[in-house]
Every structure is written in C-alpha cells, then in structure tokens.
Amino acid sequence: MENTFTPRQHFWDRILETTGAPGVHFEDYAKLKDFDCPEWSHLNRNDASEFTKRLIPILTKHLP
C-alpha cells in the first residue's frame, strides 16, 4: 500500500537527496522485509521488537 500512495523514488529517495540525510530503507535489507503491518503502517508488539533487533546492527554501520 505504501508504494502505491507514496512511491519510494518520489518520496523517500527525494527526501534523502534534498536533505543529504542518511537513510535506511527496509526494502534494501532482506532482514527487514516481510514483516506484517496489520494496519499498513505499524508493526505489532512482537514484530516491532524483532524488527528493532535486526535494525540496530544496520544503523550502527551508518554511524561515523
């Protein structure tokens, strides 16, 4: 649903390009894909914890 209403190239990529901010997009990492968003934008409690555990090592690679 997200890609239908806010295509990555028109929103996410543009924000990073405009701001120069670093970004981690879930579609770029196999470990972050395939989580179920029951209401299209948020994870349930169990998935949120697991997602965070997987995200932290990715984020630390992007820190100076």
PDB file of N, CA and C in Angstrom:
ATOM      1  N   MET A   1       0.822  -1.189   0.000  1.00  0.00           N
ATOM      2  CA  MET A   1       0.000   0.000   0.000  1.00  0.00           C
ATOM      3  C   MET A   1       0.876   1.267   0.000  1.00  0.00           C
ATOM      4  N   GLU A   2       1.955   1.217   0.785  1.00  0.00           N
ATOM      5  CA  GLU A   2       2.839   2.381   0.865  1.00  0.00           C
ATOM      6  C   GLU A   2       3.385   2.743  -0.512  1.00  0.00           C
ATOM      7  N   ASN A   3       3.825   1.747  -1.252  1.00  0.00           N
ATOM      8  CA  ASN A   3       4.388   2.011  -2.573  1.00  0.00           C
ATOM      9  C   ASN A   3       3.343   2.517  -3.568  1.00  0.00           C
ATOM     10  N   THR A   4       2.098   2.206  -3.326  1.00  0.00           N
ATOM     11  CA  THR A   4       1.031   2.691  -4.197  1.00  0.00           C
ATOM     12  C   THR A   4       0.811   4.190  -4.022  1.00  0.00           C
ATOM     13  N   PHE A   5       0.764   4.616  -2.764  1.00  0.00           N
ATOM     14  CA  PHE A   5       0.436   6.018  -2.472  1.00  0.00           C
ATOM     15  C   PHE A   5       1.662   6.927  -2.340  1.00  0.00           C
ATOM     16  N   THR A   6       2.779   6.357  -1.929  1.00  0.00           N
ATOM     17  CA  THR A   6       3.998   7.157  -1.774  1.00  0.00           C
ATOM     18  C   THR A   6       5.174   6.387  -2.370  1.00  0.00           C
ATOM     19  N   PRO A   7       5.262   6.343  -3.688  1.00  0.00           N
ATOM     20  CA  PRO A   7       6.357   5.591  -4.318  1.00  0.00           C
ATOM     21  C   PRO A   7       7.716   6.066  -3.812  1.00  0.00           C
ATOM     22  N   ARG A   8       8.561   5.115  -3.533  1.00  0.00           N
ATOM     23  CA  ARG A   8       9.872   5.406  -2.948  1.00  0.00           C
ATOM     24  C   ARG A   8      10.631   6.482  -3.721  1.00  0.00           C
ATOM     25  N   GLN A   9      10.703   6.361  -5.037  1.00  0.00           N
ATOM     26  CA  GLN A   9      11.507   7.303  -5.823  1.00  0.00           C
ATOM     27  C   GLN A   9      10.974   8.728  -5.751  1.00  0.00           C
ATOM     28  N   HIS A  10       9.691   8.886  -5.473  1.00  0.00           N
ATOM     29  CA  HIS A  10       9.102  10.230  -5.412  1.00  0.00           C
ATOM     30  C   HIS A  10       9.106  10.823  -4.007  1.00  0.00           C
ATOM     31  N   PHE A  11       9.282   9.987  -2.999  1.00  0.00           N
ATOM     32  CA  PHE A  11       9.210  10.482  -1.626  1.00  0.00           C
ATOM     33  C   PHE A  11      10.487  10.193  -0.847  1.00  0.00           C
ATOM     34  N   TRP A  12      10.716   8.943  -0.496  1.00  0.00           N
ATOM     35  CA  TRP A  12      11.874   8.574   0.332  1.00  0.00           C
ATOM     36  C   TRP A  12      13.186   9.018  -0.315  1.00  0.00           C
ATOM     37  N   ASP A  13      13.404   8.608  -1.547  1.00  0.00           N
ATOM     38  CA  ASP A  13      14.656   8.951  -2.228  1.00  0.00           C
ATOM     39  C   ASP A  13      14.812  10.469  -2.369  1.00  0.00           C
ATOM     40  N   ARG A  14      13.724  11.125  -2.642  1.00  0.00           N
ATOM     41  CA  ARG A  14      13.762  12.586  -2.814  1.00  0.00           C
ATOM     42  C   ARG A  14      14.092  13.299  -1.507  1.00  0.00           C
ATOM     43  N   ILE A  15      13.536  12.822  -0.407  1.00  0.00           N
ATOM     44  CA  ILE A  15      13.833  13.413   0.904  1.00  0.00           C
ATOM     45  C   ILE A  15      15.320  13.285   1.217  1.00  0.00           C
ATOM     46  N   LEU A  16      15.884  12.094   0.992  1.00  0.00           N
ATOM     47  CA  LEU A  16      17.305  11.894   1.272  1.00  0.00           C
ATOM     48  C   LEU A  16      18.170  12.760   0.367  1.00  0.00           C
ATOM     49  N   GLU A  17      17.803  12.849  -0.887  1.00  0.00           N
ATOM     50  CA  GLU A  17      18.569  13.658  -1.832  1.00  0.00           C
ATOM     51  C   GLU A  17      18.508  15.143  -1.456  1.00  0.00           C
ATOM     52  N   THR A  18      17.338  15.610  -1.109  1.00  0.00           N
ATOM     53  CA  THR A  18      17.145  17.028  -0.785  1.00  0.00           C
ATOM     54  C   THR A  18      17.846  17.416   0.519  1.00  0.00           C
ATOM     55  N   THR A  19      17.757  16.556   1.512  1.00  0.00           N
ATOM     56  CA  THR A  19      18.305  16.887   2.829  1.00  0.00           C
ATOM     57  C   THR A  19      19.754  16.469   3.017  1.00  0.00           C
ATOM     58  N   GLY A  20      20.196  15.495   2.227  1.00  0.00           N
ATOM     59  CA  GLY A  20      21.538  14.959   2.427  1.00  0.00           C
ATOM     60  C   GLY A  20      21.623  14.056   3.642  1.00  0.00           C
ATOM     61  N   ALA A  21      20.482  13.728   4.211  1.00  0.00           N
ATOM     62  CA  ALA A  21      20.440  12.876   5.405  1.00  0.00           C
ATOM     63  C   ALA A  21      20.699  11.420   5.032  1.00  0.00           C
ATOM     64  N   PRO A  22      21.319  10.671   5.941  1.00  0.00           N
ATOM     65  CA  PRO A  22      21.452   9.236   5.698  1.00  0.00           C
ATOM     66  C   PRO A  22      20.092   8.573   5.874  1.00  0.00           C
ATOM     67  N   GLY A  23      19.904   7.442   5.270  1.00  0.00           N
ATOM     68  CA  GLY A  23      18.636   6.753   5.416  1.00  0.00           C
ATOM     69  C   GLY A  23      18.786   5.254   5.268  1.00  0.00           C
ATOM     70  N   VAL A  24      17.961   4.535   5.984  1.00  0.00           N
ATOM     71  CA  VAL A  24      17.906   3.077   5.893  1.00  0.00           C
ATOM     72  C   VAL A  24      16.498   2.732   5.480  1.00  0.00           C
ATOM     73  N   HIS A  25      16.362   2.114   4.331  1.00  0.00           N
ATOM     74  CA  HIS A  25      15.039   1.737   3.835  1.00  0.00           C
ATOM     75  C   HIS A  25      14.879   0.223   3.979  1.00  0.00           C
ATOM     76  N   PHE A  26      13.771  -0.197   4.534  1.00  0.00           N
ATOM     77  CA  PHE A  26      13.561  -1.612   4.815  1.00  0.00           C
ATOM     78  C   PHE A  26      13.663  -2.489   3.570  1.00  0.00           C
ATOM     79  N   GLU A  27      13.348  -1.954   2.403  1.00  0.00           N
ATOM     80  CA  GLU A  27      13.405  -2.758   1.186  1.00  0.00           C
ATOM     81  C   GLU A  27      14.837  -3.069   0.753  1.00  0.00           C
ATOM     82  N   ASP A  28      15.803  -2.380   1.312  1.00  0.00           N
ATOM     83  CA  ASP A  28      17.199  -2.603   0.955  1.00  0.00           C
ATOM     84  C   ASP A  28      17.856  -3.709   1.779  1.00  0.00           C
ATOM     85  N   TYR A  29      17.161  -4.226   2.762  1.00  0.00           N
ATOM     86  CA  TYR A  29      17.736  -5.214   3.673  1.00  0.00           C
ATOM     87  C   TYR A  29      16.780  -6.396   3.827  1.00  0.00           C
ATOM     88  N   ALA A  30      17.238  -7.556   3.406  1.00  0.00           N
ATOM     89  CA  ALA A  30      16.400  -8.761   3.475  1.00  0.00           C
ATOM     90  C   ALA A  30      15.897  -9.019   4.898  1.00  0.00           C
ATOM     91  N   LYS A  31      16.717  -8.722   5.887  1.00  0.00           N
ATOM     92  CA  LYS A  31      16.328  -8.961   7.281  1.00  0.00           C
ATOM     93  C   LYS A  31      15.178  -8.077   7.745  1.00  0.00           C
ATOM     94  N   LEU A  32      14.932  -6.988   7.041  1.00  0.00           N
ATOM     95  CA  LEU A  32      13.878  -6.065   7.452  1.00  0.00           C
ATOM     96  C   LEU A  32      12.595  -6.224   6.645  1.00  0.00           C
ATOM     97  N   LYS A  33      12.646  -7.076   5.644  1.00  0.00           N
ATOM     98  CA  LYS A  33      11.466  -7.282   4.790  1.00  0.00           C
ATOM     99  C   LYS A  33      10.527  -8.319   5.398  1.00  0.00           C
ATOM    100  N   ASP A  34       9.366  -8.390   4.851  1.00  0.00           N
ATOM    101  CA  ASP A  34       8.391  -9.440   5.151  1.00  0.00           C
ATOM    102  C   ASP A  34       7.778  -9.388   6.541  1.00  0.00           C
ATOM    103  N   PHE A  35       7.819  -8.248   7.188  1.00  0.00           N
ATOM    104  CA  PHE A  35       7.072  -8.090   8.434  1.00  0.00           C
ATOM    105  C   PHE A  35       5.647  -7.682   8.079  1.00  0.00           C
ATOM    106  N   ASP A  36       4.711  -8.129   8.884  1.00  0.00           N
ATOM    107  CA  ASP A  36       3.303  -7.822   8.646  1.00  0.00           C
ATOM    108  C   ASP A  36       2.922  -6.531   9.363  1.00  0.00           C
ATOM    109  N   CYS A  37       2.381  -5.609   8.623  1.00  0.00           N
ATOM    110  CA  CYS A  37       1.859  -4.367   9.206  1.00  0.00           C
ATOM    111  C   CYS A  37       0.339  -4.475   9.199  1.00  0.00           C
ATOM    112  N   PRO A  38      -0.264  -4.855  10.326  1.00  0.00           N
ATOM    113  CA  PRO A  38      -1.697  -5.128  10.360  1.00  0.00           C
ATOM    114  C   PRO A  38      -2.573  -3.954   9.925  1.00  0.00           C
ATOM    115  N   GLU A  39      -2.118  -2.750  10.131  1.00  0.00           N
ATOM    116  CA  GLU A  39      -2.901  -1.579   9.729  1.00  0.00           C
ATOM    117  C   GLU A  39      -2.160  -0.774   8.666  1.00  0.00           C
ATOM    118  N   TRP A  40      -1.237  -1.414   7.976  1.00  0.00           N
ATOM    119  CA  TRP A  40      -0.480  -0.850   6.848  1.00  0.00           C
ATOM    120  C   TRP A  40       0.660   0.072   7.231  1.00  0.00           C
ATOM    121  N   SER A  41       0.811   0.426   8.497  1.00  0.00           N
ATOM    122  CA  SER A  41       1.901   1.345   8.813  1.00  0.00           C
ATOM    123  C   SER A  41       2.644   1.039  10.113  1.00  0.00           C
ATOM    124  N   HIS A  42       2.134   0.182  10.941  1.00  0.00           N
ATOM    125  CA  HIS A  42       2.778  -0.127  12.213  1.00  0.00           C
ATOM    126  C   HIS A  42       2.901  -1.630  12.382  1.00  0.00           C
ATOM    127  N   LEU A  43       3.916  -2.039  13.124  1.00  0.00           N
ATOM    128  CA  LEU A  43       4.116  -3.452  13.429  1.00  0.00           C
ATOM    129  C   LEU A  43       3.432  -3.802  14.744  1.00  0.00           C
ATOM    130  N   ASN A  44       3.098  -5.079  14.910  1.00  0.00           N
ATOM    131  CA  ASN A  44       2.586  -5.485  16.214  1.00  0.00           C
ATOM    132  C   ASN A  44       3.751  -5.537  17.203  1.00  0.00           C
ATOM    133  N   ARG A  45       3.461  -5.696  18.463  1.00  0.00           N
ATOM    134  CA  ARG A  45       4.478  -5.604  19.517  1.00  0.00           C
ATOM    135  C   ARG A  45       5.617  -6.604  19.308  1.00  0.00           C
ATOM    136  N   ASN A  46       5.292  -7.852  19.019  1.00  0.00           N
ATOM    137  CA  ASN A  46       6.336  -8.858  18.840  1.00  0.00           C
ATOM    138  C   ASN A  46       7.199  -8.553  17.621  1.00  0.00           C
ATOM    139  N   ASP A  47       6.571  -8.203  16.516  1.00  0.00           N
ATOM    140  CA  ASP A  47       7.327  -7.882  15.312  1.00  0.00           C
ATOM    141  C   ASP A  47       8.149  -6.611  15.496  1.00  0.00           C
ATOM    142  N   ALA A  48       7.628  -5.649  16.225  1.00  0.00           N
ATOM    143  CA  ALA A  48       8.364  -4.406  16.450  1.00  0.00           C
ATOM    144  C   ALA A  48       9.665  -4.682  17.201  1.00  0.00           C
ATOM    145  N   SER A  49       9.613  -5.551  18.192  1.00  0.00           N
ATOM    146  CA  SER A  49      10.821  -5.902  18.943  1.00  0.00           C
ATOM    147  C   SER A  49      11.833  -6.607  18.052  1.00  0.00           C
ATOM    148  N   GLU A  50      11.360  -7.544  17.253  1.00  0.00           N
ATOM    149  CA  GLU A  50      12.247  -8.280  16.352  1.00  0.00           C
ATOM    150  C   GLU A  50      12.826  -7.357  15.282  1.00  0.00           C
ATOM    151  N   PHE A  51      12.002  -6.490  14.727  1.00  0.00           N
ATOM    152  CA  PHE A  51      12.459  -5.527  13.722  1.00  0.00           C
ATOM    153  C   PHE A  51      13.567  -4.652  14.304  1.00  0.00           C
ATOM    154  N   THR A  52      13.377  -4.175  15.527  1.00  0.00           N
ATOM    155  CA  THR A  52      14.370  -3.321  16.183  1.00  0.00           C
ATOM    156  C   THR A  52      15.679  -4.066  16.389  1.00  0.00           C
ATOM    157  N   LYS A  53      15.603  -5.323  16.810  1.00  0.00           N
ATOM    158  CA  LYS A  53      16.818  -6.130  16.990  1.00  0.00           C
ATOM    159  C   LYS A  53      17.586  -6.262  15.682  1.00  0.00           C
ATOM    160  N   ARG A  54      16.880  -6.386  14.595  1.00  0.00           N
ATOM    161  CA  ARG A  54      17.519  -6.515  13.285  1.00  0.00           C
ATOM    162  C   ARG A  54      18.006  -5.167  12.747  1.00  0.00           C
ATOM    163  N   LEU A  55      17.333  -4.100  13.112  1.00  0.00           N
ATOM    164  CA  LEU A  55      17.667  -2.772  12.616  1.00  0.00           C
ATOM    165  C   LEU A  55      18.925  -2.190  13.270  1.00  0.00           C
ATOM    166  N   ILE A  56      19.112  -2.425  14.549  1.00  0.00           N
ATOM    167  CA  ILE A  56      20.228  -1.812  15.288  1.00  0.00           C
ATOM    168  C   ILE A  56      21.586  -2.095  14.641  1.00  0.00           C
ATOM    169  N   PRO A  57      21.911  -3.332  14.280  1.00  0.00           N
ATOM    170  CA  PRO A  57      23.215  -3.559  13.632  1.00  0.00           C
ATOM    171  C   PRO A  57      23.356  -2.817  12.300  1.00  0.00           C
ATOM    172  N   ILE A  58      22.279  -2.664  11.585  1.00  0.00           N
ATOM    173  CA  ILE A  58      22.313  -1.934  10.312  1.00  0.00           C
ATOM    174  C   ILE A  58      22.584  -0.454  10.581  1.00  0.00           C
ATOM    175  N   LEU A  59      21.905   0.095  11.560  1.00  0.00           N
ATOM    176  CA  LEU A  59      22.110   1.513  11.899  1.00  0.00           C
ATOM    177  C   LEU A  59      23.522   1.789  12.363  1.00  0.00           C
ATOM    178  N   THR A  60      24.079   0.895  13.153  1.00  0.00           N
ATOM    179  CA  THR A  60      25.422   1.142  13.667  1.00  0.00           C
ATOM    180  C   THR A  60      26.465   1.175  12.556  1.00  0.00           C
ATOM    181  N   LYS A  61      26.206   0.516  11.452  1.00  0.00           N
ATOM    182  CA  LYS A  61      27.113   0.567  10.302  1.00  0.00           C
ATOM    183  C   LYS A  61      27.111   1.935   9.637  1.00  0.00           C
ATOM    184  N   HIS A  62      26.033   2.706   9.836  1.00  0.00           N
ATOM    185  CA  HIS A  62      25.897   4.011   9.209  1.00  0.00           C
ATOM    186  C   HIS A  62      26.373   5.154  10.097  1.00  0.00           C
ATOM    187  N   LEU A  63      26.751   4.839  11.340  1.00  0.00           N
ATOM    188  CA  LEU A  63      27.230   5.878  12.245  1.00  0.00           C
ATOM    189  C   LEU A  63      28.705   6.147  11.988  1.00  0.00           C
ATOM    190  N   PRO A  64      29.116   7.384  12.195  1.00  0.00           N
ATOM    191  CA  PRO A  64      30.542   7.699  11.993  1.00  0.00           C
ATOM    192  C   PRO A  64      31.428   7.055  13.042  1.00  0.00           C
TER     193      PRO A  64
END
